[in-house]
N, C-alpha and C. Protein backbone atom coordinates (compact mmCIF):
# COMPACT_ATOMS: atom_id res chain seq x y z
N MET A 1 -3.86 8.89 -5.51
CA MET A 1 -3.06 9.27 -6.64
C MET A 1 -1.86 10.05 -6.13
N SER A 2 -0.71 9.78 -6.66
CA SER A 2 0.51 10.46 -6.22
C SER A 2 0.73 11.75 -6.99
N ASN A 3 1.36 12.69 -6.32
CA ASN A 3 1.77 13.92 -6.99
C ASN A 3 3.20 13.72 -7.47
N LEU A 4 3.51 14.23 -8.63
CA LEU A 4 4.87 14.17 -9.13
C LEU A 4 5.67 15.32 -8.55
N THR A 5 6.85 15.00 -8.05
CA THR A 5 7.73 16.02 -7.50
C THR A 5 8.94 16.12 -8.41
N PHE A 6 9.26 17.32 -8.83
CA PHE A 6 10.43 17.54 -9.67
C PHE A 6 11.50 18.23 -8.84
N TYR A 7 12.75 17.78 -9.01
CA TYR A 7 13.86 18.32 -8.25
C TYR A 7 14.83 19.04 -9.19
N GLU A 8 15.23 20.24 -8.80
CA GLU A 8 16.21 20.98 -9.60
C GLU A 8 17.62 20.52 -9.28
N ASP A 9 17.87 20.21 -8.02
CA ASP A 9 19.19 19.77 -7.60
C ASP A 9 19.17 18.26 -7.37
N PRO A 10 20.00 17.50 -8.09
CA PRO A 10 20.02 16.04 -7.92
C PRO A 10 20.32 15.59 -6.49
N GLU A 11 20.99 16.44 -5.71
CA GLU A 11 21.29 16.11 -4.32
C GLU A 11 20.03 16.03 -3.46
N ASP A 12 18.95 16.68 -3.90
CA ASP A 12 17.69 16.70 -3.14
C ASP A 12 16.83 15.46 -3.37
N ILE A 13 17.17 14.65 -4.36
CA ILE A 13 16.35 13.48 -4.69
C ILE A 13 16.50 12.44 -3.59
N PRO A 14 15.39 12.02 -2.96
CA PRO A 14 15.48 10.99 -1.92
C PRO A 14 15.88 9.65 -2.52
N LEU A 15 16.83 8.99 -1.88
CA LEU A 15 17.31 7.70 -2.36
C LEU A 15 16.50 6.56 -1.75
N PRO A 16 16.23 5.52 -2.52
CA PRO A 16 15.52 4.36 -1.97
C PRO A 16 16.35 3.70 -0.88
N VAL A 17 15.66 3.14 0.11
CA VAL A 17 16.35 2.50 1.23
C VAL A 17 16.15 0.99 1.19
N ALA A 18 17.07 0.28 1.80
CA ALA A 18 16.99 -1.18 1.92
C ALA A 18 15.90 -1.54 2.92
N ARG A 19 15.48 -2.79 2.91
CA ARG A 19 14.36 -3.20 3.77
C ARG A 19 14.63 -2.94 5.25
N GLU A 20 15.86 -3.07 5.71
CA GLU A 20 16.16 -2.86 7.13
C GLU A 20 15.95 -1.40 7.55
N GLU A 21 16.04 -0.47 6.60
CA GLU A 21 15.90 0.95 6.90
C GLU A 21 14.51 1.49 6.54
N MET A 22 13.64 0.63 6.06
CA MET A 22 12.31 1.05 5.63
C MET A 22 11.49 1.51 6.83
N ARG A 23 10.75 2.63 6.67
CA ARG A 23 9.94 3.19 7.76
C ARG A 23 8.72 3.89 7.19
N PHE A 24 7.72 4.07 8.06
CA PHE A 24 6.62 4.98 7.75
C PHE A 24 7.18 6.39 7.90
N GLU A 25 6.89 7.27 6.96
CA GLU A 25 7.27 8.68 7.11
C GLU A 25 6.19 9.44 7.86
N SER A 26 4.93 9.08 7.62
CA SER A 26 3.83 9.72 8.34
C SER A 26 2.63 8.78 8.35
N VAL A 27 1.80 8.94 9.38
CA VAL A 27 0.56 8.17 9.52
C VAL A 27 -0.49 9.09 10.12
N GLN A 28 -1.69 9.11 9.52
CA GLN A 28 -2.80 9.91 10.04
C GLN A 28 -4.08 9.09 9.99
N ALA A 29 -4.92 9.29 10.99
CA ALA A 29 -6.26 8.69 11.02
C ALA A 29 -7.26 9.78 11.38
N GLU A 30 -8.25 9.99 10.50
CA GLU A 30 -9.26 11.03 10.72
C GLU A 30 -10.65 10.42 10.59
N PRO A 31 -11.42 10.39 11.69
CA PRO A 31 -12.79 9.88 11.58
C PRO A 31 -13.65 10.77 10.70
N TYR A 32 -14.51 10.16 9.90
CA TYR A 32 -15.50 10.92 9.12
C TYR A 32 -16.61 11.36 10.06
N PRO A 33 -17.37 12.40 9.70
CA PRO A 33 -18.45 12.90 10.57
C PRO A 33 -19.51 11.84 10.90
N ASP A 34 -19.69 10.83 10.02
CA ASP A 34 -20.72 9.81 10.30
C ASP A 34 -20.32 8.86 11.42
N GLY A 35 -19.05 8.88 11.86
CA GLY A 35 -18.61 8.04 12.96
C GLY A 35 -18.46 6.57 12.61
N ARG A 36 -18.68 6.18 11.37
CA ARG A 36 -18.61 4.78 10.96
C ARG A 36 -17.41 4.49 10.07
N ARG A 37 -16.75 5.57 9.62
CA ARG A 37 -15.61 5.40 8.72
C ARG A 37 -14.44 6.25 9.21
N VAL A 38 -13.24 5.80 8.83
CA VAL A 38 -12.02 6.53 9.20
C VAL A 38 -11.14 6.66 7.97
N LYS A 39 -10.67 7.88 7.70
CA LYS A 39 -9.73 8.10 6.60
C LYS A 39 -8.33 7.80 7.13
N LEU A 40 -7.65 6.89 6.46
CA LEU A 40 -6.31 6.49 6.83
C LEU A 40 -5.35 6.96 5.74
N ASN A 41 -4.33 7.71 6.14
CA ASN A 41 -3.32 8.18 5.20
C ASN A 41 -1.97 7.82 5.77
N PHE A 42 -1.12 7.22 4.94
CA PHE A 42 0.25 6.99 5.38
C PHE A 42 1.20 7.13 4.20
N LYS A 43 2.43 7.50 4.55
CA LYS A 43 3.47 7.69 3.55
C LYS A 43 4.67 6.86 3.95
N LEU A 44 5.29 6.22 2.96
CA LEU A 44 6.46 5.38 3.18
C LEU A 44 7.70 6.07 2.62
N LYS A 45 8.85 5.67 3.15
CA LYS A 45 10.11 6.13 2.56
C LYS A 45 10.23 5.52 1.16
N PRO A 46 11.04 6.11 0.28
CA PRO A 46 11.29 5.47 -1.02
C PRO A 46 11.93 4.10 -0.78
N PHE A 47 11.52 3.10 -1.54
CA PHE A 47 11.99 1.74 -1.25
C PHE A 47 12.60 1.06 -2.47
N MET A 48 13.47 0.09 -2.18
CA MET A 48 14.06 -0.74 -3.23
C MET A 48 13.20 -1.97 -3.46
N GLU A 49 12.78 -2.60 -2.37
CA GLU A 49 11.91 -3.77 -2.43
C GLU A 49 10.52 -3.35 -1.98
N ARG A 50 9.51 -3.91 -2.61
CA ARG A 50 8.13 -3.51 -2.31
C ARG A 50 7.67 -4.07 -0.96
N PRO A 51 7.38 -3.19 0.00
CA PRO A 51 6.93 -3.64 1.33
C PRO A 51 5.43 -3.89 1.36
N SER A 52 4.99 -4.53 2.43
CA SER A 52 3.56 -4.75 2.68
C SER A 52 3.18 -4.08 3.99
N VAL A 53 1.88 -3.82 4.16
CA VAL A 53 1.38 -3.16 5.36
C VAL A 53 0.13 -3.89 5.85
N GLU A 54 0.06 -4.14 7.14
CA GLU A 54 -1.16 -4.61 7.80
C GLU A 54 -1.61 -3.50 8.74
N ALA A 55 -2.90 -3.21 8.73
CA ALA A 55 -3.46 -2.19 9.63
C ALA A 55 -4.72 -2.74 10.26
N TRP A 56 -4.94 -2.39 11.52
CA TRP A 56 -6.18 -2.78 12.19
C TRP A 56 -6.56 -1.74 13.21
N VAL A 57 -7.86 -1.63 13.43
CA VAL A 57 -8.42 -0.67 14.38
C VAL A 57 -9.11 -1.45 15.48
N THR A 58 -8.84 -1.07 16.73
CA THR A 58 -9.54 -1.66 17.88
C THR A 58 -10.30 -0.56 18.61
N ASN A 59 -11.41 -0.95 19.24
CA ASN A 59 -12.18 0.02 20.02
C ASN A 59 -11.65 0.05 21.46
N ALA A 60 -12.30 0.82 22.32
CA ALA A 60 -11.83 1.00 23.70
C ALA A 60 -11.78 -0.30 24.49
N SER A 61 -12.63 -1.28 24.13
CA SER A 61 -12.62 -2.56 24.85
C SER A 61 -11.68 -3.57 24.20
N GLY A 62 -10.90 -3.14 23.19
CA GLY A 62 -9.91 -4.01 22.58
C GLY A 62 -10.42 -4.89 21.45
N GLN A 63 -11.68 -4.74 21.07
CA GLN A 63 -12.24 -5.53 19.97
C GLN A 63 -11.78 -4.96 18.64
N MET A 64 -11.37 -5.85 17.72
CA MET A 64 -10.98 -5.41 16.39
C MET A 64 -12.22 -5.04 15.61
N VAL A 65 -12.26 -3.80 15.08
CA VAL A 65 -13.44 -3.32 14.37
C VAL A 65 -13.15 -3.00 12.90
N ALA A 66 -11.89 -3.08 12.47
CA ALA A 66 -11.54 -2.86 11.07
C ALA A 66 -10.15 -3.42 10.80
N THR A 67 -9.95 -3.91 9.58
CA THR A 67 -8.64 -4.40 9.15
C THR A 67 -8.38 -3.97 7.72
N LEU A 68 -7.10 -3.91 7.37
CA LEU A 68 -6.70 -3.54 6.02
C LEU A 68 -5.36 -4.21 5.73
N SER A 69 -5.22 -4.76 4.53
CA SER A 69 -3.96 -5.36 4.09
C SER A 69 -3.53 -4.74 2.77
N LEU A 70 -2.28 -4.34 2.70
CA LEU A 70 -1.69 -3.82 1.47
C LEU A 70 -0.51 -4.74 1.15
N ILE A 71 -0.59 -5.43 0.03
CA ILE A 71 0.44 -6.41 -0.32
C ILE A 71 1.36 -5.82 -1.39
N GLU A 72 2.65 -5.79 -1.07
CA GLU A 72 3.70 -5.31 -1.97
C GLU A 72 3.35 -3.97 -2.62
N ALA A 73 3.44 -2.94 -1.82
CA ALA A 73 3.12 -1.58 -2.26
C ALA A 73 3.91 -1.20 -3.51
N MET A 74 3.25 -0.45 -4.38
CA MET A 74 3.91 0.03 -5.59
C MET A 74 4.13 1.55 -5.54
N ASP A 75 3.56 2.20 -4.53
CA ASP A 75 3.64 3.65 -4.40
C ASP A 75 4.13 3.97 -3.00
N GLN A 76 4.36 5.25 -2.73
CA GLN A 76 4.84 5.66 -1.41
C GLN A 76 3.75 6.25 -0.54
N GLU A 77 2.70 6.79 -1.13
CA GLU A 77 1.67 7.48 -0.33
C GLU A 77 0.31 6.86 -0.61
N PHE A 78 -0.46 6.65 0.47
CA PHE A 78 -1.74 5.96 0.35
C PHE A 78 -2.83 6.65 1.16
N ASP A 79 -4.04 6.64 0.61
CA ASP A 79 -5.25 7.10 1.29
C ASP A 79 -6.27 5.97 1.20
N PHE A 80 -6.78 5.55 2.34
CA PHE A 80 -7.81 4.51 2.39
C PHE A 80 -8.94 4.98 3.28
N THR A 81 -10.11 4.42 3.08
CA THR A 81 -11.23 4.60 4.00
C THR A 81 -11.52 3.24 4.60
N VAL A 82 -11.44 3.13 5.92
CA VAL A 82 -11.80 1.88 6.59
C VAL A 82 -13.16 2.06 7.24
N HIS A 83 -13.96 1.01 7.17
CA HIS A 83 -15.31 1.02 7.73
C HIS A 83 -15.29 0.27 9.05
N LEU A 84 -15.83 0.89 10.10
CA LEU A 84 -15.82 0.30 11.43
C LEU A 84 -17.04 -0.60 11.60
N ARG A 85 -16.78 -1.85 11.98
CA ARG A 85 -17.84 -2.84 12.16
C ARG A 85 -18.49 -2.70 13.54
N GLY A 86 -19.64 -3.35 13.68
CA GLY A 86 -20.32 -3.41 14.97
C GLY A 86 -21.31 -2.28 15.16
N PRO A 87 -21.80 -2.16 16.42
CA PRO A 87 -22.76 -1.08 16.72
C PRO A 87 -22.10 0.28 16.54
N GLN A 88 -22.89 1.33 16.63
CA GLN A 88 -22.37 2.69 16.40
C GLN A 88 -21.10 2.92 17.23
N PRO A 89 -19.95 3.14 16.56
CA PRO A 89 -18.70 3.34 17.28
C PRO A 89 -18.72 4.65 18.08
N SER A 90 -18.04 4.63 19.22
CA SER A 90 -17.86 5.85 20.00
C SER A 90 -16.66 5.66 20.92
N GLY A 91 -16.10 6.77 21.35
CA GLY A 91 -14.99 6.72 22.29
C GLY A 91 -13.64 6.54 21.61
N LEU A 92 -12.68 6.12 22.42
CA LEU A 92 -11.30 5.97 21.99
C LEU A 92 -11.13 4.75 21.09
N HIS A 93 -10.44 4.92 19.98
CA HIS A 93 -10.08 3.82 19.08
C HIS A 93 -8.58 3.90 18.82
N THR A 94 -7.98 2.76 18.49
CA THR A 94 -6.55 2.70 18.24
C THR A 94 -6.29 2.07 16.89
N LEU A 95 -5.51 2.76 16.07
CA LEU A 95 -5.06 2.23 14.78
C LEU A 95 -3.64 1.73 14.96
N ARG A 96 -3.40 0.50 14.53
CA ARG A 96 -2.05 -0.06 14.58
C ARG A 96 -1.65 -0.46 13.16
N LEU A 97 -0.41 -0.15 12.80
CA LEU A 97 0.11 -0.51 11.48
C LEU A 97 1.43 -1.24 11.62
N GLU A 98 1.63 -2.24 10.77
CA GLU A 98 2.90 -2.95 10.67
C GLU A 98 3.39 -2.84 9.24
N LEU A 99 4.63 -2.43 9.08
CA LEU A 99 5.29 -2.39 7.78
C LEU A 99 6.21 -3.61 7.76
N PHE A 100 6.05 -4.47 6.76
CA PHE A 100 6.79 -5.73 6.79
C PHE A 100 7.14 -6.23 5.39
N TYR A 101 8.02 -7.24 5.40
CA TYR A 101 8.38 -8.00 4.21
C TYR A 101 8.16 -9.47 4.54
N VAL A 102 7.94 -10.27 3.52
CA VAL A 102 7.90 -11.72 3.73
C VAL A 102 9.33 -12.13 4.05
N ALA A 103 9.51 -12.81 5.18
CA ALA A 103 10.86 -13.15 5.65
C ALA A 103 11.54 -14.17 4.75
N ASP A 104 10.75 -15.13 4.22
CA ASP A 104 11.32 -16.21 3.43
C ASP A 104 10.27 -16.68 2.43
N VAL A 105 10.64 -16.76 1.16
CA VAL A 105 9.67 -17.19 0.14
C VAL A 105 9.16 -18.60 0.39
N GLU A 106 9.94 -19.40 1.08
CA GLU A 106 9.51 -20.77 1.42
C GLU A 106 8.45 -20.75 2.52
N LYS A 107 8.42 -19.69 3.32
CA LYS A 107 7.47 -19.56 4.43
C LYS A 107 6.76 -18.21 4.31
N PRO A 108 5.79 -18.09 3.40
CA PRO A 108 5.16 -16.78 3.14
C PRO A 108 4.37 -16.20 4.32
N ASP A 109 4.07 -17.01 5.34
CA ASP A 109 3.34 -16.50 6.50
C ASP A 109 4.24 -15.84 7.53
N GLU A 110 5.55 -16.00 7.40
CA GLU A 110 6.48 -15.40 8.35
C GLU A 110 6.86 -13.99 7.88
N LYS A 111 6.69 -13.02 8.79
CA LYS A 111 6.95 -11.62 8.45
C LYS A 111 8.25 -11.13 9.07
N GLN A 112 8.93 -10.26 8.34
CA GLN A 112 10.04 -9.49 8.88
C GLN A 112 9.49 -8.08 9.08
N ILE A 113 9.08 -7.77 10.32
CA ILE A 113 8.48 -6.47 10.62
C ILE A 113 9.60 -5.44 10.75
N VAL A 114 9.51 -4.36 9.97
CA VAL A 114 10.57 -3.34 9.97
C VAL A 114 10.13 -2.04 10.64
N ASP A 115 8.82 -1.83 10.80
CA ASP A 115 8.34 -0.62 11.49
C ASP A 115 6.90 -0.84 11.94
N THR A 116 6.55 -0.22 13.05
CA THR A 116 5.17 -0.25 13.54
C THR A 116 4.79 1.16 13.97
N ARG A 117 3.51 1.45 13.90
CA ARG A 117 2.99 2.74 14.36
C ARG A 117 1.66 2.50 15.05
N THR A 118 1.36 3.37 16.02
CA THR A 118 0.09 3.35 16.72
C THR A 118 -0.45 4.78 16.75
N VAL A 119 -1.72 4.93 16.39
CA VAL A 119 -2.37 6.24 16.39
C VAL A 119 -3.71 6.09 17.09
N GLU A 120 -3.97 6.93 18.09
CA GLU A 120 -5.26 6.91 18.78
C GLU A 120 -6.14 8.04 18.25
N PHE A 121 -7.44 7.76 18.19
CA PHE A 121 -8.40 8.79 17.77
C PHE A 121 -9.72 8.54 18.49
N VAL A 122 -10.52 9.59 18.59
CA VAL A 122 -11.80 9.52 19.30
C VAL A 122 -12.93 9.77 18.32
N ILE A 123 -13.97 8.96 18.46
CA ILE A 123 -15.18 9.13 17.64
C ILE A 123 -16.29 9.64 18.53
């Protein structure tokens, strides 16, 4: 759920950006104490066109253990819980995120990637 921010000075209001300038403002990954879930939080810049996000987690041996897709975001800030697959996770894990738009409506599988982030965490 988003918090409403009120601005007294109109100059302080963040302006929406075009797709070429779209970026993640922040990304965090926090493992839960059970070691099987990870809290994922990210914030986007204000946008004109609704972006999409792909996220995936790999373990120390490079195996993908979690994925998440967000199609055409309607908000700027998100909290998700991803569940790690496989045997009891341990050690170094890597979260990767791609912020993208569909490059062409005729080819919906082609992405225009505008930002990427990588966050490492240990379970």
